[in-house]
Amino acid sequence: MMKIVLSGVNLVEAGPLKVFKEAIIAFSSCCDFEVICLVNNEMLFSDCKKSNVTFLEFPTVKNSWLNRFWFEYKVCYRLSQEISADIWFAMHDISPRVCTPLQFVYCHNPSPFYRASMKELKYERKLFLFSLLYKWLYKINIKSNKAVIVQQEWIGKFLVGELGARDYIVSKPLTSKPEKELIKNDFSNQSSITFFFPALDRTFKNFEVILNALSYLKDKELNVYKKIRVILTINEFSGEYARKIVSEYQDLEQVEFLGTIDYDEVIAQYKKCDVVLFPSKLETWGLPISEAKEFSKPIILSDLPYAHETLGNYTSATFFSPDEYVNLAEIMKNIVDGKHVFEHAHYEDSDAVVGSWKQLVEKFISIANEK
């Protein structure tokens, strides 16, 4: 039986925690593995407990970056000597110093790929700093990994080409198949068309391009503007940045600022809307793209590498430059006018892609057996 360490002491919420749990379940479901999990709080993992899984808690690592560095480069080395694992899989970006035969790191933070501006300096200073410094955190000790694990191939290519990683494996999130084979693309017989953009109040989500497009239509194409309804999941209580957005665009009567909603309501909005918008400038995946496909909705999305790769093959999509609000306004006008907008999108995965956690486990076993 092989022994693997899954290190995720910094993962306590949302998507990264979900990914960590999926990894624990996948490796523990394989009878070939004894799994040692380094976690912040064992109580978060009650649904992952099995006879071949051991949890070690490190609750203070998140308290400061000094604690984090001490853990990654001192504590992990001592643990690797004590545990004598066959594989060490770091689940949160940083490649620790360990004396384990095989080492991998999961890179999920997209900050190094974002060009921050004064907007981030004012409203999201952590993102501003990460955009400048995080790639150097990625680079430290990255060559000690047999491969870096990423959600998209363009990230893997960057880490290999720019930061010196030895290889990459693309582990894509599982996605559901569309509810319907036929997707409604023509809304010319409707009195109004609803566009939905589910996103938190982060500066890189690019709410402004949608709102500027609507301002443009209100000024230039009032009849078109009146037929459009846009649903956003922010409001004045969502945070400082969202408050500024709502205040600046409060004259747009066709926009509904819903605020944060639970996932059941998100699903309800997907089902009710006509078109999904996704203008974000920064993602390692972009879950609403997959969800738009699941609910068989046409989608307008940023013409960026992450969006093409996440979308994959789909019969109803159109791309636009995320900085060009006039371009987006023209797309929305054409939809209202009943013109053909949505096309078939195609993306070809490479051999570096594994389609599930089960396949990634098998890949690790194969690599370990080669040594």
Protein backbone atom coordinates (compact mmCIF):
# COMPACT_ATOMS: atom_id res chain seq x y z
CA MET A 1 0.00 0.00 0.00
CA MET A 2 1.32 3.44 -0.95
CA LYS A 3 1.22 6.34 1.45
CA ILE A 4 0.20 9.82 0.21
CA VAL A 5 0.15 13.14 2.04
CA LEU A 6 -2.53 15.62 0.94
CA SER A 7 -1.58 19.03 2.31
CA GLY A 8 -4.32 21.67 2.41
CA VAL A 9 -3.85 23.57 5.67
CA ASN A 10 -4.92 26.84 4.04
CA LEU A 11 -8.19 25.53 2.56
CA VAL A 12 -11.24 26.26 4.70
CA GLU A 13 -14.06 27.42 2.42
CA ALA A 14 -15.76 27.52 -0.99
CA GLY A 15 -14.32 26.02 -4.16
CA PRO A 16 -10.77 25.25 -2.95
CA LEU A 17 -12.15 23.32 0.05
CA LYS A 18 -14.49 21.41 -2.27
CA VAL A 19 -11.55 20.45 -4.51
CA PHE A 20 -9.55 19.31 -1.46
CA LYS A 21 -12.43 17.10 -0.30
CA GLU A 22 -12.81 15.62 -3.78
CA ALA A 23 -9.11 14.73 -3.74
CA ILE A 24 -9.38 13.09 -0.30
CA ILE A 25 -12.38 11.03 -1.38
CA ALA A 26 -10.74 9.98 -4.65
CA PHE A 27 -7.45 8.84 -3.10
CA SER A 28 -9.11 7.19 -0.08
CA SER A 29 -11.48 5.28 -2.37
CA CYS A 30 -8.45 3.58 -3.91
CA CYS A 31 -7.41 0.57 -1.83
CA ASP A 32 -3.78 1.18 -2.84
CA PHE A 33 -3.49 4.31 -0.67
CA GLU A 34 -3.09 5.23 2.96
CA VAL A 35 -4.03 8.93 3.04
CA ILE A 36 -2.62 11.46 5.52
CA CYS A 37 -4.40 14.83 5.32
CA LEU A 38 -2.83 18.01 6.67
CA VAL A 39 -5.77 20.31 7.43
CA ASN A 40 -6.69 23.52 9.23
CA ASN A 41 -9.71 22.07 11.04
CA GLU A 42 -10.64 18.39 11.04
CA MET A 43 -14.31 19.23 11.70
CA LEU A 44 -14.60 20.51 8.11
CA PHE A 45 -13.97 16.98 6.83
CA SER A 46 -16.60 14.88 8.60
CA ASP A 47 -17.83 13.68 5.20
CA CYS A 48 -14.36 12.44 4.19
CA LYS A 49 -13.55 10.09 7.07
CA LYS A 50 -12.55 6.51 6.25
CA SER A 51 -10.43 3.83 7.86
CA ASN A 52 -7.47 4.59 5.59
CA VAL A 53 -7.59 8.38 6.18
CA THR A 54 -5.73 10.20 8.96
CA PHE A 55 -6.14 13.92 9.70
CA LEU A 56 -3.43 16.11 11.23
CA GLU A 57 -4.56 19.61 12.28
CA PHE A 58 -2.54 22.82 11.88
CA PRO A 59 -4.98 25.57 12.94
CA THR A 60 -2.52 28.48 13.16
CA VAL A 61 -0.99 28.29 9.67
CA LYS A 62 -3.56 30.71 8.22
CA ASN A 63 -2.88 33.32 10.89
CA SER A 64 -0.01 34.92 8.98
CA TRP A 65 2.23 34.48 5.95
CA LEU A 66 5.16 33.97 8.31
CA ASN A 67 3.33 30.96 9.79
CA ARG A 68 2.59 29.70 6.30
CA PHE A 69 6.21 29.90 5.14
CA TRP A 70 7.44 28.25 8.34
CA PHE A 71 4.97 25.43 7.80
CA GLU A 72 5.81 24.89 4.11
CA TYR A 73 9.60 25.01 4.39
CA LYS A 74 10.34 23.78 7.94
CA VAL A 75 7.39 21.83 9.36
CA CYS A 76 6.66 19.94 6.15
CA TYR A 77 10.28 18.79 5.89
CA ARG A 78 10.15 17.37 9.43
CA LEU A 79 6.78 15.74 8.73
CA SER A 80 8.04 14.20 5.51
CA GLN A 81 10.87 12.55 7.47
CA GLU A 82 8.46 11.24 10.12
CA ILE A 83 5.69 10.07 7.76
CA SER A 84 7.91 8.58 5.03
CA ALA A 85 5.21 8.91 2.39
CA ASP A 86 5.58 7.80 -1.22
CA ILE A 87 3.79 10.89 -2.60
CA TRP A 88 3.35 14.43 -1.26
CA PHE A 89 0.53 16.38 -2.92
CA ALA A 90 0.35 20.07 -1.89
CA MET A 91 -3.16 21.31 -2.64
CA HIS A 92 -2.64 25.07 -2.35
CA ASP A 93 -0.12 26.54 -4.79
CA ILE A 94 3.12 26.53 -2.79
CA SER A 95 5.67 23.75 -3.31
CA PRO A 96 6.91 22.75 0.16
CA ARG A 97 10.37 21.49 1.09
CA VAL A 98 10.02 17.74 1.65
CA CYS A 99 12.13 14.59 1.31
CA THR A 100 9.43 12.52 -0.41
CA PRO A 101 10.19 10.51 -3.58
CA LEU A 102 7.32 12.01 -5.57
CA GLN A 103 5.99 15.52 -5.16
CA PHE A 104 3.09 17.33 -6.85
CA VAL A 105 1.45 20.73 -6.33
CA TYR A 106 -2.07 21.87 -7.25
CA CYS A 107 -1.99 25.44 -8.62
CA HIS A 108 -5.39 27.13 -8.50
CA ASN A 109 -4.80 30.81 -7.73
CA PRO A 110 -5.10 32.87 -10.94
CA SER A 111 -3.62 36.10 -9.51
CA PRO A 112 -0.31 35.93 -11.44
CA PHE A 113 -2.22 36.07 -14.72
CA TYR A 114 -4.06 39.31 -13.92
CA ARG A 115 -2.89 42.80 -14.81
CA ALA A 116 -4.00 44.78 -11.77
CA SER A 117 -4.87 48.48 -11.88
CA MET A 118 -5.53 51.31 -9.44
CA LYS A 119 -9.03 49.87 -9.01
CA GLU A 120 -7.54 46.79 -7.35
CA LEU A 121 -5.21 48.94 -5.26
CA LYS A 122 -8.24 50.81 -3.91
CA TYR A 123 -10.78 48.00 -3.51
CA GLU A 124 -8.80 44.74 -3.44
CA ARG A 125 -5.30 45.31 -2.14
CA LYS A 126 -4.71 41.61 -1.58
CA LEU A 127 -5.41 40.90 -5.26
CA PHE A 128 -3.18 43.83 -6.25
CA LEU A 129 -0.27 42.44 -4.23
CA PHE A 130 -0.90 38.85 -5.34
CA SER A 131 -0.89 39.90 -9.00
CA LEU A 132 2.62 41.28 -8.49
CA LEU A 133 4.09 38.68 -6.14
CA TYR A 134 2.21 35.39 -6.41
CA LYS A 135 4.07 34.05 -9.42
CA TRP A 136 7.25 34.18 -7.32
CA LEU A 137 5.50 32.08 -4.66
CA TYR A 138 4.62 29.62 -7.40
CA LYS A 139 8.25 29.58 -8.57
CA ILE A 140 9.87 28.76 -5.21
CA ASN A 141 10.79 25.07 -5.24
CA ILE A 142 8.50 24.40 -8.24
CA LYS A 143 11.14 22.20 -9.90
CA SER A 144 10.91 19.73 -7.02
CA ASN A 145 7.52 18.60 -8.35
CA LYS A 146 7.21 15.75 -10.81
CA ALA A 147 4.35 17.80 -12.27
CA VAL A 148 2.09 20.72 -11.40
CA ILE A 149 -1.65 20.02 -11.39
CA VAL A 150 -3.82 22.71 -12.98
CA GLN A 151 -7.42 23.11 -14.08
CA GLN A 152 -6.55 24.54 -17.50
CA GLU A 153 -3.81 23.87 -20.00
CA TRP A 154 -2.84 27.50 -20.61
CA ILE A 155 -1.91 27.76 -16.92
CA GLY A 156 0.19 24.60 -17.11
CA LYS A 157 2.03 25.93 -20.16
CA PHE A 158 2.77 29.18 -18.31
CA LEU A 159 4.11 27.38 -15.25
CA VAL A 160 6.37 25.18 -17.40
CA GLY A 161 7.46 27.84 -19.88
CA GLU A 162 7.84 30.84 -17.58
CA LEU A 163 8.47 29.45 -14.10
CA GLY A 164 10.41 26.27 -14.83
CA ALA A 165 7.98 23.53 -13.76
CA ARG A 166 9.04 20.12 -15.09
CA ASP A 167 5.64 19.07 -16.43
CA TYR A 168 1.92 19.67 -15.96
CA ILE A 169 -1.26 17.61 -15.71
CA VAL A 170 -4.63 19.21 -16.45
CA SER A 171 -7.32 17.97 -14.05
CA LYS A 172 -10.62 19.46 -15.18
CA PRO A 173 -13.66 19.70 -12.90
CA LEU A 174 -16.45 17.28 -13.71
CA THR A 175 -19.26 19.00 -15.59
CA SER A 176 -22.85 17.96 -16.23
CA LYS A 177 -24.31 17.43 -19.66
CA PRO A 178 -26.85 19.99 -20.95
CA GLU A 179 -30.46 19.42 -19.89
CA LYS A 180 -31.64 19.84 -23.50
CA GLU A 181 -30.02 19.16 -26.84
CA LEU A 182 -31.81 22.09 -28.48
CA ILE A 183 -30.91 25.50 -27.08
CA LYS A 184 -33.18 28.49 -27.61
CA ASN A 185 -31.26 31.23 -29.43
CA ASP A 186 -34.06 33.36 -30.91
CA PHE A 187 -35.95 35.70 -28.57
CA SER A 188 -37.42 38.06 -31.16
CA ASN A 189 -41.00 37.15 -30.18
CA GLN A 190 -40.46 38.12 -26.52
CA SER A 191 -41.32 41.49 -25.02
CA SER A 192 -38.16 41.36 -22.89
CA ILE A 193 -34.95 39.32 -22.68
CA THR A 194 -33.32 38.47 -19.35
CA PHE A 195 -29.53 38.31 -19.02
CA PHE A 196 -28.05 36.76 -15.86
CA PHE A 197 -24.54 37.19 -14.44
CA PRO A 198 -23.92 35.34 -11.14
CA ALA A 199 -20.75 36.66 -9.48
CA LEU A 200 -19.40 37.98 -6.20
CA ASP A 201 -18.29 41.60 -5.83
CA ARG A 202 -14.73 41.15 -7.07
CA THR A 203 -13.15 43.79 -9.29
CA PHE A 204 -12.01 41.26 -11.91
CA LYS A 205 -15.57 40.05 -12.47
CA ASN A 206 -15.93 43.10 -14.74
CA PHE A 207 -19.46 44.27 -13.91
CA GLU A 208 -18.64 47.62 -15.49
CA VAL A 209 -18.55 46.29 -19.04
CA ILE A 210 -22.16 45.10 -18.72
CA LEU A 211 -23.35 48.31 -17.10
CA ASN A 212 -21.49 50.52 -19.57
CA ALA A 213 -23.06 48.54 -22.41
CA LEU A 214 -26.50 49.21 -20.95
CA SER A 215 -25.71 52.91 -20.48
CA TYR A 216 -24.68 53.03 -24.13
CA LEU A 217 -27.91 51.35 -25.24
CA LYS A 218 -30.00 53.64 -23.04
CA ASP A 219 -28.38 56.62 -24.74
CA LYS A 220 -28.24 55.32 -28.33
CA GLU A 221 -30.93 52.61 -28.60
CA LEU A 222 -33.63 53.35 -26.03
CA ASN A 223 -36.18 50.91 -27.52
CA VAL A 224 -33.63 48.10 -27.37
CA TYR A 225 -32.62 49.06 -23.83
CA LYS A 226 -36.22 48.84 -22.62
CA LYS A 227 -36.46 45.23 -23.84
CA ILE A 228 -33.43 44.13 -21.81
CA ARG A 229 -33.40 43.00 -18.19
CA VAL A 230 -30.11 42.24 -16.43
CA ILE A 231 -29.84 40.34 -13.14
CA LEU A 232 -26.66 40.81 -11.06
CA THR A 233 -25.89 39.08 -7.75
CA ILE A 234 -24.47 42.14 -6.01
CA ASN A 235 -26.09 45.08 -4.23
CA GLU A 236 -25.03 48.00 -2.03
CA PHE A 237 -24.55 45.63 0.93
CA SER A 238 -22.16 43.27 -0.87
CA GLY A 239 -19.04 45.31 -0.14
CA GLU A 240 -17.29 48.61 -0.82
CA TYR A 241 -16.66 47.89 -4.50
CA ALA A 242 -20.25 46.74 -5.08
CA ARG A 243 -21.58 49.81 -3.26
CA LYS A 244 -19.60 52.02 -5.62
CA ILE A 245 -20.95 50.11 -8.66
CA VAL A 246 -24.59 50.33 -7.53
CA SER A 247 -24.27 54.04 -6.78
CA GLU A 248 -22.61 54.83 -10.10
CA TYR A 249 -25.18 52.95 -12.21
CA GLN A 250 -28.36 53.46 -10.18
CA ASP A 251 -30.01 55.22 -13.14
CA LEU A 252 -30.17 51.94 -15.09
CA GLU A 253 -33.76 50.88 -14.45
CA GLN A 254 -33.35 47.63 -16.39
CA VAL A 255 -30.75 46.28 -13.95
CA GLU A 256 -31.78 44.35 -10.85
CA PHE A 257 -29.10 44.24 -8.16
CA LEU A 258 -30.18 41.11 -6.31
CA GLY A 259 -27.32 40.84 -3.85
CA THR A 260 -25.87 37.55 -2.68
CA ILE A 261 -28.28 34.64 -3.13
CA ASP A 262 -28.10 31.00 -2.08
CA TYR A 263 -27.40 28.27 -4.61
CA ASP A 264 -31.04 27.20 -4.91
CA GLU A 265 -31.91 30.74 -6.00
CA VAL A 266 -28.96 30.76 -8.40
CA ILE A 267 -30.38 27.64 -10.03
CA ALA A 268 -33.82 29.27 -10.20
CA GLN A 269 -32.32 32.31 -11.93
CA TYR A 270 -30.51 30.10 -14.45
CA LYS A 271 -33.77 28.41 -15.32
CA LYS A 272 -35.67 31.72 -15.68
CA CYS A 273 -33.09 33.68 -17.66
CA ASP A 274 -32.68 33.70 -21.43
CA VAL A 275 -28.94 34.35 -21.74
CA VAL A 276 -26.01 33.94 -19.34
CA LEU A 277 -23.33 36.66 -19.26
CA PHE A 278 -19.77 35.97 -18.14
CA PRO A 279 -17.40 38.92 -18.76
CA SER A 280 -14.87 38.04 -16.04
CA LYS A 281 -11.22 38.89 -16.72
CA LEU A 282 -9.72 36.34 -14.33
CA GLU A 283 -10.62 32.72 -13.62
CA THR A 284 -8.95 29.35 -13.31
CA TRP A 285 -12.24 27.78 -14.37
CA GLY A 286 -15.36 29.96 -14.33
CA LEU A 287 -18.11 27.77 -12.88
CA PRO A 288 -21.06 29.77 -14.36
CA ILE A 289 -19.82 28.80 -17.84
CA SER A 290 -20.25 25.12 -16.98
CA GLU A 291 -23.58 25.88 -15.31
CA ALA A 292 -24.86 27.75 -18.37
CA LYS A 293 -24.12 24.63 -20.40
CA GLU A 294 -25.80 22.42 -17.81
CA PHE A 295 -29.00 24.49 -18.04
CA SER A 296 -28.81 24.73 -21.85
CA LYS A 297 -28.51 28.52 -21.95
CA PRO A 298 -26.77 30.56 -24.65
CA ILE A 299 -23.79 32.40 -23.22
CA ILE A 300 -21.88 35.61 -23.92
CA LEU A 301 -18.36 35.43 -22.52
CA SER A 302 -14.96 37.07 -22.46
CA ASP A 303 -12.65 36.27 -25.34
CA LEU A 304 -9.92 34.97 -23.03
CA PRO A 305 -8.08 31.61 -22.87
CA TYR A 306 -9.81 30.41 -19.68
CA ALA A 307 -13.26 30.98 -21.22
CA HIS A 308 -12.54 29.03 -24.41
CA GLU A 309 -11.09 26.11 -22.46
CA THR A 310 -13.86 25.99 -19.85
CA LEU A 311 -16.58 26.24 -22.46
CA GLY A 312 -15.07 23.46 -24.57
CA ASN A 313 -17.53 22.25 -27.17
CA TYR A 314 -20.90 24.00 -27.10
CA THR A 315 -23.49 24.92 -29.69
CA SER A 316 -24.54 28.35 -28.42
CA ALA A 317 -21.86 30.87 -27.48
CA THR A 318 -20.38 34.16 -28.55
CA PHE A 319 -17.20 35.87 -27.36
CA PHE A 320 -16.35 39.55 -26.97
CA SER A 321 -13.39 41.61 -25.80
CA PRO A 322 -13.92 42.15 -22.05
CA ASP A 323 -12.84 45.79 -22.35
CA GLU A 324 -15.18 46.67 -25.26
CA TYR A 325 -18.59 47.63 -23.87
CA VAL A 326 -19.77 48.85 -27.29
CA ASN A 327 -19.07 45.37 -28.68
CA LEU A 328 -21.19 43.85 -25.90
CA ALA A 329 -23.95 46.42 -26.50
CA GLU A 330 -24.04 45.48 -30.19
CA ILE A 331 -24.34 41.79 -29.31
CA MET A 332 -27.22 42.50 -26.94
CA LYS A 333 -28.93 44.68 -29.56
CA ASN A 334 -28.59 41.94 -32.18
CA ILE A 335 -30.18 39.44 -29.79
CA VAL A 336 -33.12 41.80 -29.21
CA ASP A 337 -33.43 42.32 -32.99
CA GLY A 338 -33.57 38.55 -33.57
CA LYS A 339 -30.28 38.39 -35.48
CA HIS A 340 -28.01 35.35 -35.48
CA VAL A 341 -25.45 35.81 -32.70
CA PHE A 342 -24.58 32.46 -31.13
CA GLU A 343 -22.18 30.04 -32.82
CA HIS A 344 -20.79 26.56 -32.22
CA ALA A 345 -17.64 26.68 -30.06
CA HIS A 346 -15.01 23.96 -30.29
CA TYR A 347 -12.00 23.17 -28.10
CA GLU A 348 -9.65 20.19 -28.44
CA ASP A 349 -8.15 18.80 -25.21
CA SER A 350 -4.54 17.59 -25.27
CA ASP A 351 -3.10 14.36 -23.90
CA ALA A 352 -2.19 16.22 -20.69
CA VAL A 353 -5.87 16.31 -19.66
CA VAL A 354 -7.42 13.88 -17.18
CA GLY A 355 -11.19 14.00 -16.94
CA SER A 356 -11.79 13.10 -13.29
CA TRP A 357 -10.15 12.69 -9.90
CA LYS A 358 -10.26 8.92 -10.42
CA GLN A 359 -8.15 9.31 -13.55
CA LEU A 360 -5.72 11.57 -11.67
CA VAL A 361 -5.33 8.92 -8.96
CA GLU A 362 -4.58 6.35 -11.67
CA LYS A 363 -2.06 8.77 -13.21
CA PHE A 364 -0.27 9.15 -9.87
CA ILE A 365 -0.13 5.37 -9.42
CA SER A 366 1.28 4.97 -12.93
CA ILE A 367 3.97 7.60 -12.30
CA ALA A 368 4.85 6.06 -8.92
CA ASN A 369 5.22 2.61 -10.48
CA GLU A 370 7.64 4.00 -13.06
CA LYS A 371 10.15 4.95 -10.38
